[in-house]
Amino acid sequence: MEDLRTRLDIAQLAEIRQQHIGRLLQRAARAFSVRAAEKLHARGHRGLSLAHTTLLSYLDLDGTRVTVLAEHAGMTKQSMGQLVKELEQQGYVSRRPDPSDQRAALVTFTEAGWRFLADASAIKQEIEAEYASILGTERLEELRRSLRLLIANSEPSNQELATDQPNPTPDS
């Protein structure tokens, strides 16, 4: 039986692996996150990892249960619970009883968490301005529309993202 490696063009395969749209989107998202983390650290948010900022991006402004955070982030409840505990220790979030179910707790932003949100919002605007200076405003808006269209057509539950309305939820 012929070895599959002998039939594949290894150089072409390596190129495809690095340049396909999924990898490029992943690398662009990672670059955005790293740049945002650098800027957050410069503003005093030094104890936050990318996992922490991801958790904070899933936290609703009026609070979210740990189970919902875990589901949105695609991780176990236990792992999310650990991240919440770390953010509690750093003073970014706290837990309070869920008014709709006293057996459950909501994770909510503290004053430091709200400062983080304000800084993260300003940083996102800074990075988008950097991107606009590279791409031009028109191309950046076309990229945003194209990404929304791809997202909307990848999952039926994301149909609302196909519109040209800005996403009101902070990503960081």
N, C-alpha and C. Protein backbone atom coordinates (compact mmCIF):
# COMPACT_ATOMS: atom_id res chain seq x y z
N MET A 1 0.85 -1.18 0.00
CA MET A 1 0.00 0.00 0.00
C MET A 1 0.89 1.24 0.00
N GLU A 2 0.58 2.17 -0.87
CA GLU A 2 1.38 3.37 -1.03
C GLU A 2 1.19 4.31 0.15
N ASP A 3 2.28 4.87 0.62
CA ASP A 3 2.25 5.84 1.71
C ASP A 3 1.59 7.12 1.21
N LEU A 4 0.59 7.60 1.92
CA LEU A 4 -0.14 8.79 1.51
C LEU A 4 0.78 9.99 1.38
N ARG A 5 1.81 10.06 2.22
CA ARG A 5 2.75 11.20 2.15
C ARG A 5 3.44 11.29 0.80
N THR A 6 3.64 10.18 0.14
CA THR A 6 4.32 10.22 -1.16
C THR A 6 3.42 10.77 -2.25
N ARG A 7 2.10 10.72 -2.05
CA ARG A 7 1.16 11.23 -3.05
C ARG A 7 0.82 12.69 -2.83
N LEU A 8 1.11 13.22 -1.66
CA LEU A 8 0.76 14.60 -1.35
C LEU A 8 1.91 15.53 -1.69
N ASP A 9 1.58 16.68 -2.16
CA ASP A 9 2.58 17.74 -2.36
C ASP A 9 2.70 18.44 -1.00
N ILE A 10 3.75 18.10 -0.25
CA ILE A 10 3.91 18.57 1.12
C ILE A 10 3.99 20.10 1.17
N ALA A 11 4.70 20.72 0.26
CA ALA A 11 4.82 22.18 0.25
C ALA A 11 3.45 22.82 0.02
N GLN A 12 2.68 22.25 -0.92
CA GLN A 12 1.35 22.78 -1.20
C GLN A 12 0.43 22.59 0.01
N LEU A 13 0.52 21.44 0.63
CA LEU A 13 -0.28 21.17 1.81
C LEU A 13 0.06 22.14 2.94
N ALA A 14 1.35 22.41 3.14
CA ALA A 14 1.77 23.35 4.17
C ALA A 14 1.22 24.74 3.88
N GLU A 15 1.27 25.16 2.63
CA GLU A 15 0.75 26.47 2.23
C GLU A 15 -0.76 26.55 2.48
N ILE A 16 -1.49 25.52 2.08
CA ILE A 16 -2.94 25.49 2.28
C ILE A 16 -3.28 25.56 3.76
N ARG A 17 -2.53 24.84 4.57
CA ARG A 17 -2.79 24.83 6.01
C ARG A 17 -2.62 26.21 6.63
N GLN A 18 -1.70 27.01 6.13
CA GLN A 18 -1.45 28.33 6.69
C GLN A 18 -2.32 29.42 6.09
N GLN A 19 -2.79 29.23 4.87
CA GLN A 19 -3.47 30.32 4.16
C GLN A 19 -4.97 30.14 3.96
N HIS A 20 -5.54 29.04 4.44
CA HIS A 20 -7.00 28.89 4.27
C HIS A 20 -7.72 29.91 5.15
N ILE A 21 -8.94 30.24 4.77
CA ILE A 21 -9.68 31.32 5.41
C ILE A 21 -9.86 31.10 6.91
N GLY A 22 -10.08 29.86 7.32
CA GLY A 22 -10.24 29.59 8.75
C GLY A 22 -9.00 29.94 9.54
N ARG A 23 -7.83 29.56 9.02
CA ARG A 23 -6.57 29.88 9.70
C ARG A 23 -6.33 31.38 9.71
N LEU A 24 -6.62 32.05 8.59
CA LEU A 24 -6.42 33.50 8.54
C LEU A 24 -7.34 34.23 9.53
N LEU A 25 -8.59 33.79 9.62
CA LEU A 25 -9.51 34.37 10.59
C LEU A 25 -9.02 34.13 12.02
N GLN A 26 -8.55 32.93 12.26
CA GLN A 26 -8.03 32.59 13.59
C GLN A 26 -6.82 33.46 13.94
N ARG A 27 -5.91 33.61 12.99
CA ARG A 27 -4.71 34.41 13.23
C ARG A 27 -5.06 35.89 13.42
N ALA A 28 -6.02 36.38 12.65
CA ALA A 28 -6.43 37.78 12.78
C ALA A 28 -7.09 38.01 14.15
N ALA A 29 -7.94 37.08 14.58
CA ALA A 29 -8.58 37.20 15.89
C ALA A 29 -7.55 37.14 17.00
N ARG A 30 -6.61 36.25 16.86
CA ARG A 30 -5.54 36.14 17.87
C ARG A 30 -4.71 37.43 17.91
N ALA A 31 -4.36 37.97 16.76
CA ALA A 31 -3.58 39.21 16.71
C ALA A 31 -4.35 40.36 17.37
N PHE A 32 -5.66 40.43 17.12
CA PHE A 32 -6.49 41.45 17.74
C PHE A 32 -6.47 41.28 19.26
N SER A 33 -6.64 40.04 19.72
CA SER A 33 -6.67 39.77 21.17
C SER A 33 -5.34 40.09 21.83
N VAL A 34 -4.25 39.73 21.19
CA VAL A 34 -2.92 40.01 21.75
C VAL A 34 -2.70 41.52 21.83
N ARG A 35 -3.06 42.23 20.76
CA ARG A 35 -2.91 43.69 20.74
C ARG A 35 -3.76 44.33 21.83
N ALA A 36 -4.99 43.86 21.98
CA ALA A 36 -5.87 44.39 23.02
C ALA A 36 -5.30 44.10 24.40
N ALA A 37 -4.76 42.90 24.61
CA ALA A 37 -4.17 42.54 25.90
C ALA A 37 -2.98 43.44 26.22
N GLU A 38 -2.16 43.72 25.24
CA GLU A 38 -1.03 44.64 25.45
C GLU A 38 -1.52 46.00 25.91
N LYS A 39 -2.55 46.50 25.26
CA LYS A 39 -3.09 47.81 25.60
C LYS A 39 -3.77 47.78 26.98
N LEU A 40 -4.45 46.67 27.30
CA LEU A 40 -5.06 46.54 28.63
C LEU A 40 -3.99 46.52 29.71
N HIS A 41 -2.92 45.79 29.47
CA HIS A 41 -1.82 45.74 30.45
C HIS A 41 -1.24 47.13 30.66
N ALA A 42 -1.11 47.90 29.58
CA ALA A 42 -0.57 49.25 29.69
C ALA A 42 -1.49 50.16 30.50
N ARG A 43 -2.78 49.82 30.57
CA ARG A 43 -3.74 50.61 31.34
C ARG A 43 -3.95 50.05 32.74
N GLY A 44 -3.08 49.13 33.14
CA GLY A 44 -3.12 48.64 34.51
C GLY A 44 -3.83 47.32 34.72
N HIS A 45 -4.37 46.72 33.70
CA HIS A 45 -5.06 45.43 33.83
C HIS A 45 -4.04 44.32 33.58
N ARG A 46 -3.10 44.15 34.49
CA ARG A 46 -1.96 43.27 34.28
C ARG A 46 -2.23 41.80 34.60
N GLY A 47 -3.16 41.50 35.44
CA GLY A 47 -3.37 40.12 35.86
C GLY A 47 -4.32 39.32 34.98
N LEU A 48 -4.68 39.88 33.84
CA LEU A 48 -5.68 39.23 32.99
C LEU A 48 -5.02 38.44 31.86
N SER A 49 -5.45 37.19 31.72
CA SER A 49 -5.03 36.36 30.60
C SER A 49 -6.07 36.49 29.49
N LEU A 50 -5.77 35.90 28.33
CA LEU A 50 -6.76 35.89 27.25
C LEU A 50 -8.01 35.13 27.68
N ALA A 51 -7.85 34.10 28.50
CA ALA A 51 -9.02 33.35 29.00
C ALA A 51 -9.89 34.25 29.86
N HIS A 52 -9.28 35.10 30.69
CA HIS A 52 -10.06 36.01 31.53
C HIS A 52 -10.82 37.02 30.68
N THR A 53 -10.15 37.59 29.69
CA THR A 53 -10.83 38.59 28.88
C THR A 53 -11.94 37.96 28.04
N THR A 54 -11.74 36.71 27.66
CA THR A 54 -12.80 35.99 26.95
C THR A 54 -14.01 35.82 27.85
N LEU A 55 -13.78 35.41 29.09
CA LEU A 55 -14.89 35.28 30.04
C LEU A 55 -15.61 36.60 30.19
N LEU A 56 -14.87 37.68 30.37
CA LEU A 56 -15.49 38.99 30.56
C LEU A 56 -16.32 39.40 29.34
N SER A 57 -15.92 38.95 28.15
CA SER A 57 -16.68 39.30 26.96
C SER A 57 -18.04 38.59 26.91
N TYR A 58 -18.15 37.47 27.59
CA TYR A 58 -19.43 36.73 27.62
C TYR A 58 -20.34 37.17 28.76
N LEU A 59 -19.83 37.98 29.67
CA LEU A 59 -20.59 38.39 30.83
C LEU A 59 -21.56 39.51 30.46
N ASP A 60 -22.85 39.24 30.62
CA ASP A 60 -23.87 40.25 30.33
C ASP A 60 -23.73 41.41 31.31
N LEU A 61 -24.14 42.59 30.90
CA LEU A 61 -23.99 43.77 31.73
C LEU A 61 -24.77 43.69 33.04
N ASP A 62 -25.86 42.92 33.05
CA ASP A 62 -26.63 42.77 34.27
C ASP A 62 -26.33 41.46 35.00
N GLY A 63 -25.32 40.73 34.55
CA GLY A 63 -24.89 39.50 35.22
C GLY A 63 -25.27 38.25 34.45
N THR A 64 -24.50 37.20 34.67
CA THR A 64 -24.70 35.94 33.96
C THR A 64 -24.35 34.79 34.89
N ARG A 65 -25.09 33.70 34.79
CA ARG A 65 -24.77 32.49 35.57
C ARG A 65 -23.52 31.82 35.02
N VAL A 66 -22.79 31.15 35.89
CA VAL A 66 -21.57 30.44 35.49
C VAL A 66 -21.88 29.40 34.43
N THR A 67 -22.99 28.71 34.56
CA THR A 67 -23.33 27.68 33.57
C THR A 67 -23.52 28.28 32.18
N VAL A 68 -24.11 29.45 32.11
CA VAL A 68 -24.32 30.13 30.82
C VAL A 68 -22.98 30.62 30.27
N LEU A 69 -22.14 31.17 31.13
CA LEU A 69 -20.81 31.60 30.70
C LEU A 69 -20.03 30.42 30.11
N ALA A 70 -20.09 29.29 30.80
CA ALA A 70 -19.38 28.09 30.34
C ALA A 70 -19.90 27.63 28.99
N GLU A 71 -21.20 27.64 28.84
CA GLU A 71 -21.82 27.22 27.57
C GLU A 71 -21.38 28.14 26.43
N HIS A 72 -21.42 29.44 26.66
CA HIS A 72 -21.05 30.40 25.61
C HIS A 72 -19.57 30.30 25.25
N ALA A 73 -18.73 30.01 26.23
CA ALA A 73 -17.29 29.92 25.98
C ALA A 73 -16.87 28.53 25.49
N GLY A 74 -17.80 27.57 25.55
CA GLY A 74 -17.48 26.21 25.11
C GLY A 74 -16.53 25.50 26.05
N MET A 75 -16.74 25.69 27.34
CA MET A 75 -15.87 25.03 28.32
C MET A 75 -16.73 24.43 29.44
N THR A 76 -16.09 23.67 30.30
CA THR A 76 -16.83 23.03 31.38
C THR A 76 -17.21 24.06 32.44
N LYS A 77 -18.24 23.73 33.19
CA LYS A 77 -18.69 24.60 34.29
C LYS A 77 -17.56 24.74 35.32
N GLN A 78 -16.83 23.66 35.55
CA GLN A 78 -15.75 23.70 36.53
C GLN A 78 -14.62 24.64 36.09
N SER A 79 -14.25 24.56 34.82
CA SER A 79 -13.20 25.45 34.31
C SER A 79 -13.65 26.91 34.37
N MET A 80 -14.89 27.16 33.99
CA MET A 80 -15.40 28.52 34.05
C MET A 80 -15.47 28.99 35.50
N GLY A 81 -15.87 28.11 36.39
CA GLY A 81 -15.90 28.46 37.81
C GLY A 81 -14.53 28.89 38.32
N GLN A 82 -13.48 28.23 37.85
CA GLN A 82 -12.12 28.59 38.24
C GLN A 82 -11.76 29.97 37.71
N LEU A 83 -12.11 30.25 36.46
CA LEU A 83 -11.83 31.58 35.90
C LEU A 83 -12.59 32.67 36.66
N VAL A 84 -13.85 32.39 37.00
CA VAL A 84 -14.63 33.36 37.76
C VAL A 84 -13.97 33.60 39.12
N LYS A 85 -13.53 32.53 39.77
CA LYS A 85 -12.86 32.66 41.07
C LYS A 85 -11.62 33.54 40.95
N GLU A 86 -10.84 33.34 39.89
CA GLU A 86 -9.64 34.15 39.69
C GLU A 86 -10.00 35.62 39.47
N LEU A 87 -11.06 35.86 38.71
CA LEU A 87 -11.48 37.24 38.47
C LEU A 87 -12.07 37.88 39.72
N GLU A 88 -12.71 37.07 40.55
CA GLU A 88 -13.19 37.57 41.85
C GLU A 88 -12.00 37.99 42.71
N GLN A 89 -10.96 37.16 42.74
CA GLN A 89 -9.77 37.47 43.53
C GLN A 89 -9.08 38.74 43.05
N GLN A 90 -9.17 39.01 41.75
CA GLN A 90 -8.58 40.22 41.19
C GLN A 90 -9.51 41.43 41.30
N GLY A 91 -10.74 41.20 41.72
CA GLY A 91 -11.67 42.29 41.95
C GLY A 91 -12.49 42.73 40.76
N TYR A 92 -12.49 41.96 39.68
CA TYR A 92 -13.24 42.35 38.48
C TYR A 92 -14.70 41.93 38.51
N VAL A 93 -15.01 40.84 39.19
CA VAL A 93 -16.39 40.34 39.25
C VAL A 93 -16.72 39.93 40.67
N SER A 94 -18.01 39.80 40.92
CA SER A 94 -18.50 39.24 42.18
C SER A 94 -19.70 38.37 41.86
N ARG A 95 -20.10 37.58 42.82
CA ARG A 95 -21.29 36.75 42.65
C ARG A 95 -22.36 37.26 43.59
N ARG A 96 -23.60 37.22 43.11
CA ARG A 96 -24.75 37.60 43.93
C ARG A 96 -25.90 36.66 43.59
N PRO A 97 -26.84 36.53 44.49
CA PRO A 97 -27.98 35.64 44.20
C PRO A 97 -28.73 36.09 42.96
N ASP A 98 -29.17 35.12 42.18
CA ASP A 98 -29.97 35.38 40.98
C ASP A 98 -31.39 35.67 41.45
N PRO A 99 -31.93 36.85 41.17
CA PRO A 99 -33.28 37.18 41.62
C PRO A 99 -34.35 36.24 41.08
N SER A 100 -34.09 35.62 39.93
CA SER A 100 -35.10 34.73 39.35
C SER A 100 -34.99 33.31 39.90
N ASP A 101 -33.91 32.99 40.59
CA ASP A 101 -33.71 31.65 41.16
C ASP A 101 -32.67 31.77 42.27
N GLN A 102 -33.14 31.83 43.51
CA GLN A 102 -32.26 32.06 44.65
C GLN A 102 -31.22 30.94 44.85
N ARG A 103 -31.43 29.80 44.19
CA ARG A 103 -30.43 28.72 44.30
C ARG A 103 -29.22 28.99 43.42
N ALA A 104 -29.38 29.88 42.44
CA ALA A 104 -28.31 30.17 41.49
C ALA A 104 -27.67 31.51 41.82
N ALA A 105 -26.47 31.69 41.29
CA ALA A 105 -25.75 32.96 41.48
C ALA A 105 -25.46 33.59 40.12
N LEU A 106 -25.49 34.91 40.11
CA LEU A 106 -25.11 35.67 38.93
C LEU A 106 -23.70 36.23 39.14
N VAL A 107 -22.91 36.14 38.11
CA VAL A 107 -21.59 36.78 38.13
C VAL A 107 -21.81 38.17 37.57
N THR A 108 -21.39 39.19 38.31
CA THR A 108 -21.60 40.57 37.89
C THR A 108 -20.28 41.34 37.95
N PHE A 109 -20.23 42.44 37.20
CA PHE A 109 -19.06 43.30 37.21
C PHE A 109 -19.00 44.09 38.52
N THR A 110 -17.80 44.27 39.03
CA THR A 110 -17.55 45.17 40.15
C THR A 110 -17.16 46.52 39.57
N GLU A 111 -16.81 47.46 40.42
CA GLU A 111 -16.35 48.76 39.94
C GLU A 111 -15.11 48.59 39.06
N ALA A 112 -14.19 47.71 39.47
CA ALA A 112 -12.99 47.45 38.65
C ALA A 112 -13.39 46.80 37.32
N GLY A 113 -14.40 45.96 37.34
CA GLY A 113 -14.90 45.35 36.11
C GLY A 113 -15.48 46.37 35.16
N TRP A 114 -16.19 47.35 35.69
CA TRP A 114 -16.74 48.41 34.85
C TRP A 114 -15.61 49.27 34.28
N ARG A 115 -14.55 49.51 35.07
CA ARG A 115 -13.39 50.24 34.54
C ARG A 115 -12.75 49.45 33.40
N PHE A 116 -12.66 48.13 33.59
CA PHE A 116 -12.14 47.26 32.53
C PHE A 116 -12.97 47.43 31.26
N LEU A 117 -14.31 47.39 31.39
CA LEU A 117 -15.19 47.53 30.23
C LEU A 117 -14.97 48.86 29.52
N ALA A 118 -14.84 49.93 30.29
CA ALA A 118 -14.60 51.25 29.69
C ALA A 118 -13.27 51.25 28.94
N ASP A 119 -12.23 50.70 29.57
CA ASP A 119 -10.92 50.63 28.91
C ASP A 119 -10.96 49.73 27.68
N ALA A 120 -11.62 48.59 27.80
CA ALA A 120 -11.70 47.66 26.67
C ALA A 120 -12.44 48.29 25.50
N SER A 121 -13.48 49.04 25.78
CA SER A 121 -14.24 49.71 24.73
C SER A 121 -13.36 50.73 24.01
N ALA A 122 -12.63 51.52 24.76
CA ALA A 122 -11.73 52.51 24.17
C ALA A 122 -10.64 51.83 23.35
N ILE A 123 -10.12 50.72 23.86
CA ILE A 123 -9.06 49.99 23.17
C ILE A 123 -9.57 49.41 21.86
N LYS A 124 -10.78 48.86 21.87
CA LYS A 124 -11.34 48.34 20.63
C LYS A 124 -11.46 49.43 19.58
N GLN A 125 -11.85 50.61 20.01
CA GLN A 125 -11.94 51.73 19.07
C GLN A 125 -10.56 52.11 18.55
N GLU A 126 -9.55 52.08 19.42
CA GLU A 126 -8.18 52.39 19.00
C GLU A 126 -7.70 51.38 17.95
N ILE A 127 -7.93 50.11 18.23
CA ILE A 127 -7.47 49.07 17.30
C ILE A 127 -8.22 49.17 15.98
N GLU A 128 -9.50 49.42 16.04
CA GLU A 128 -10.26 49.58 14.80
C GLU A 128 -9.77 50.79 14.02
N ALA A 129 -9.36 51.85 14.70
CA ALA A 129 -8.80 53.01 14.01
C ALA A 129 -7.47 52.63 13.35
N GLU A 130 -6.68 51.79 14.03
CA GLU A 130 -5.44 51.29 13.44
C GLU A 130 -5.75 50.48 12.18
N TYR A 131 -6.76 49.61 12.28
CA TYR A 131 -7.14 48.79 11.13
C TYR A 131 -7.65 49.67 9.99
N ALA A 132 -8.42 50.71 10.32
CA ALA A 132 -8.92 51.61 9.29
C ALA A 132 -7.78 52.34 8.59
N SER A 133 -6.72 52.65 9.35
CA SER A 133 -5.59 53.32 8.71
C SER A 133 -4.83 52.37 7.78
N ILE A 134 -4.91 51.08 8.04
CA ILE A 134 -4.26 50.09 7.19
C ILE A 134 -5.13 49.77 5.97
N LEU A 135 -6.41 49.48 6.23
CA LEU A 135 -7.32 49.05 5.17
C LEU A 135 -8.08 50.18 4.49
N GLY A 136 -8.28 51.25 5.21
CA GLY A 136 -9.20 52.29 4.78
C GLY A 136 -10.56 52.01 5.39
N THR A 137 -11.30 53.05 5.65
CA THR A 137 -12.60 52.91 6.32
C THR A 137 -13.57 52.06 5.53
N GLU A 138 -13.61 52.27 4.22
CA GLU A 138 -14.54 51.53 3.38
C GLU A 138 -14.24 50.02 3.40
N ARG A 139 -12.97 49.66 3.27
CA ARG A 139 -12.61 48.23 3.27
C ARG A 139 -12.85 47.61 4.65
N LEU A 140 -12.63 48.38 5.72
CA LEU A 140 -12.90 47.86 7.07
C LEU A 140 -14.38 47.58 7.23
N GLU A 141 -15.23 48.48 6.76
CA GLU A 141 -16.68 48.26 6.85
C GLU A 141 -17.11 47.08 5.99
N GLU A 142 -16.50 46.92 4.83
CA GLU A 142 -16.80 45.77 3.98
C GLU A 142 -16.38 44.47 4.67
N LEU A 143 -15.24 44.50 5.32
CA LEU A 143 -14.79 43.33 6.09
C LEU A 143 -15.79 43.00 7.19
N ARG A 144 -16.24 44.01 7.90
CA ARG A 144 -17.23 43.80 8.97
C ARG A 144 -18.51 43.18 8.42
N ARG A 145 -19.01 43.72 7.30
CA ARG A 145 -20.23 43.17 6.68
C ARG A 145 -20.00 41.73 6.21
N SER A 146 -18.84 41.48 5.63
CA SER A 146 -18.53 40.13 5.14
C SER A 146 -18.46 39.13 6.29
N LEU A 147 -17.83 39.52 7.38
CA LEU A 147 -17.74 38.62 8.54
C LEU A 147 -19.13 38.34 9.11
N ARG A 148 -19.96 39.37 9.21
CA ARG A 148 -21.33 39.16 9.71
C ARG A 148 -22.09 38.19 8.81
N LEU A 149 -21.92 38.33 7.53
CA LEU A 149 -22.61 37.46 6.57
C LEU A 149 -22.13 36.02 6.73
N LEU A 150 -20.82 35.82 6.86
CA LEU A 150 -20.29 34.47 7.07
C LEU A 150 -20.81 33.86 8.37
N ILE A 151 -20.82 34.65 9.43
CA ILE A 151 -21.30 34.17 10.73
C ILE A 151 -22.78 33.81 10.64
N ALA A 152 -23.56 34.70 10.05
CA ALA A 152 -25.00 34.48 9.95
C ALA A 152 -25.33 33.23 9.16
N ASN A 153 -24.52 32.91 8.18
CA ASN A 153 -24.79 31.74 7.36
C ASN A 153 -24.12 30.47 7.86
N SER A 154 -23.40 30.57 8.95
CA SER A 154 -22.78 29.37 9.51
C SER A 154 -23.66 28.72 10.56
N GLU A 155 -24.52 29.51 11.20
CA GLU A 155 -25.42 28.97 12.21
C GLU A 155 -26.75 29.69 12.12
N PRO A 156 -27.85 28.95 12.08
CA PRO A 156 -29.17 29.59 11.99
C PRO A 156 -29.44 30.56 13.14
N SER A 157 -28.88 30.30 14.34
CA SER A 157 -29.14 31.18 15.48
C SER A 157 -28.43 32.51 15.36
N ASN A 158 -27.55 32.67 14.37
CA ASN A 158 -26.80 33.92 14.21
C ASN A 158 -27.34 34.79 13.09
N GLN A 159 -28.55 34.58 12.65
CA GLN A 159 -29.10 35.33 11.53
C GLN A 159 -29.10 36.83 11.78
N GLU A 160 -29.28 37.26 13.04
CA GLU A 160 -29.33 38.69 13.32
C GLU A 160 -27.99 39.37 13.06
N LEU A 161 -26.90 38.64 13.03
CA LEU A 161 -25.59 39.23 12.79
C LEU A 161 -25.38 39.60 11.33
N ALA A 162 -26.26 39.19 10.47
CA ALA A 162 -26.11 39.50 9.04
C ALA A 162 -26.46 40.96 8.75
N THR A 163 -27.13 41.61 9.67
CA THR A 163 -27.49 43.00 9.45
C THR A 163 -26.27 43.89 9.59
N ASP A 164 -26.39 45.11 9.19
CA ASP A 164 -25.29 46.06 9.30
C ASP A 164 -25.28 46.79 10.64
N GLN A 165 -26.06 46.31 11.60
CA GLN A 165 -26.09 46.94 12.91
C GLN A 165 -24.84 46.56 13.69
N PRO A 166 -24.23 47.53 14.41
CA PRO A 166 -23.06 47.19 15.21
C PRO A 166 -23.44 46.27 16.35
N ASN A 167 -22.51 45.43 16.75
CA ASN A 167 -22.72 44.51 17.86
C ASN A 167 -22.60 45.28 19.17
N PRO A 168 -23.69 45.38 19.97
CA PRO A 168 -23.65 46.17 21.19
C PRO A 168 -22.90 45.50 22.33
N THR A 169 -22.60 44.22 22.22
CA THR A 169 -21.95 43.49 23.29
C THR A 169 -20.44 43.64 23.19
N PRO A 170 -19.76 44.02 24.30
CA PRO A 170 -18.32 44.15 24.24
C PRO A 170 -17.67 42.80 23.98
N ASP A 171 -16.61 42.79 23.21
CA ASP A 171 -15.88 41.56 22.93
C ASP A 171 -14.79 41.33 23.94
N SER A 172 -14.47 42.28 24.71
CA SER A 172 -13.41 42.14 25.70
C SER A 172 -13.83 42.75 26.99
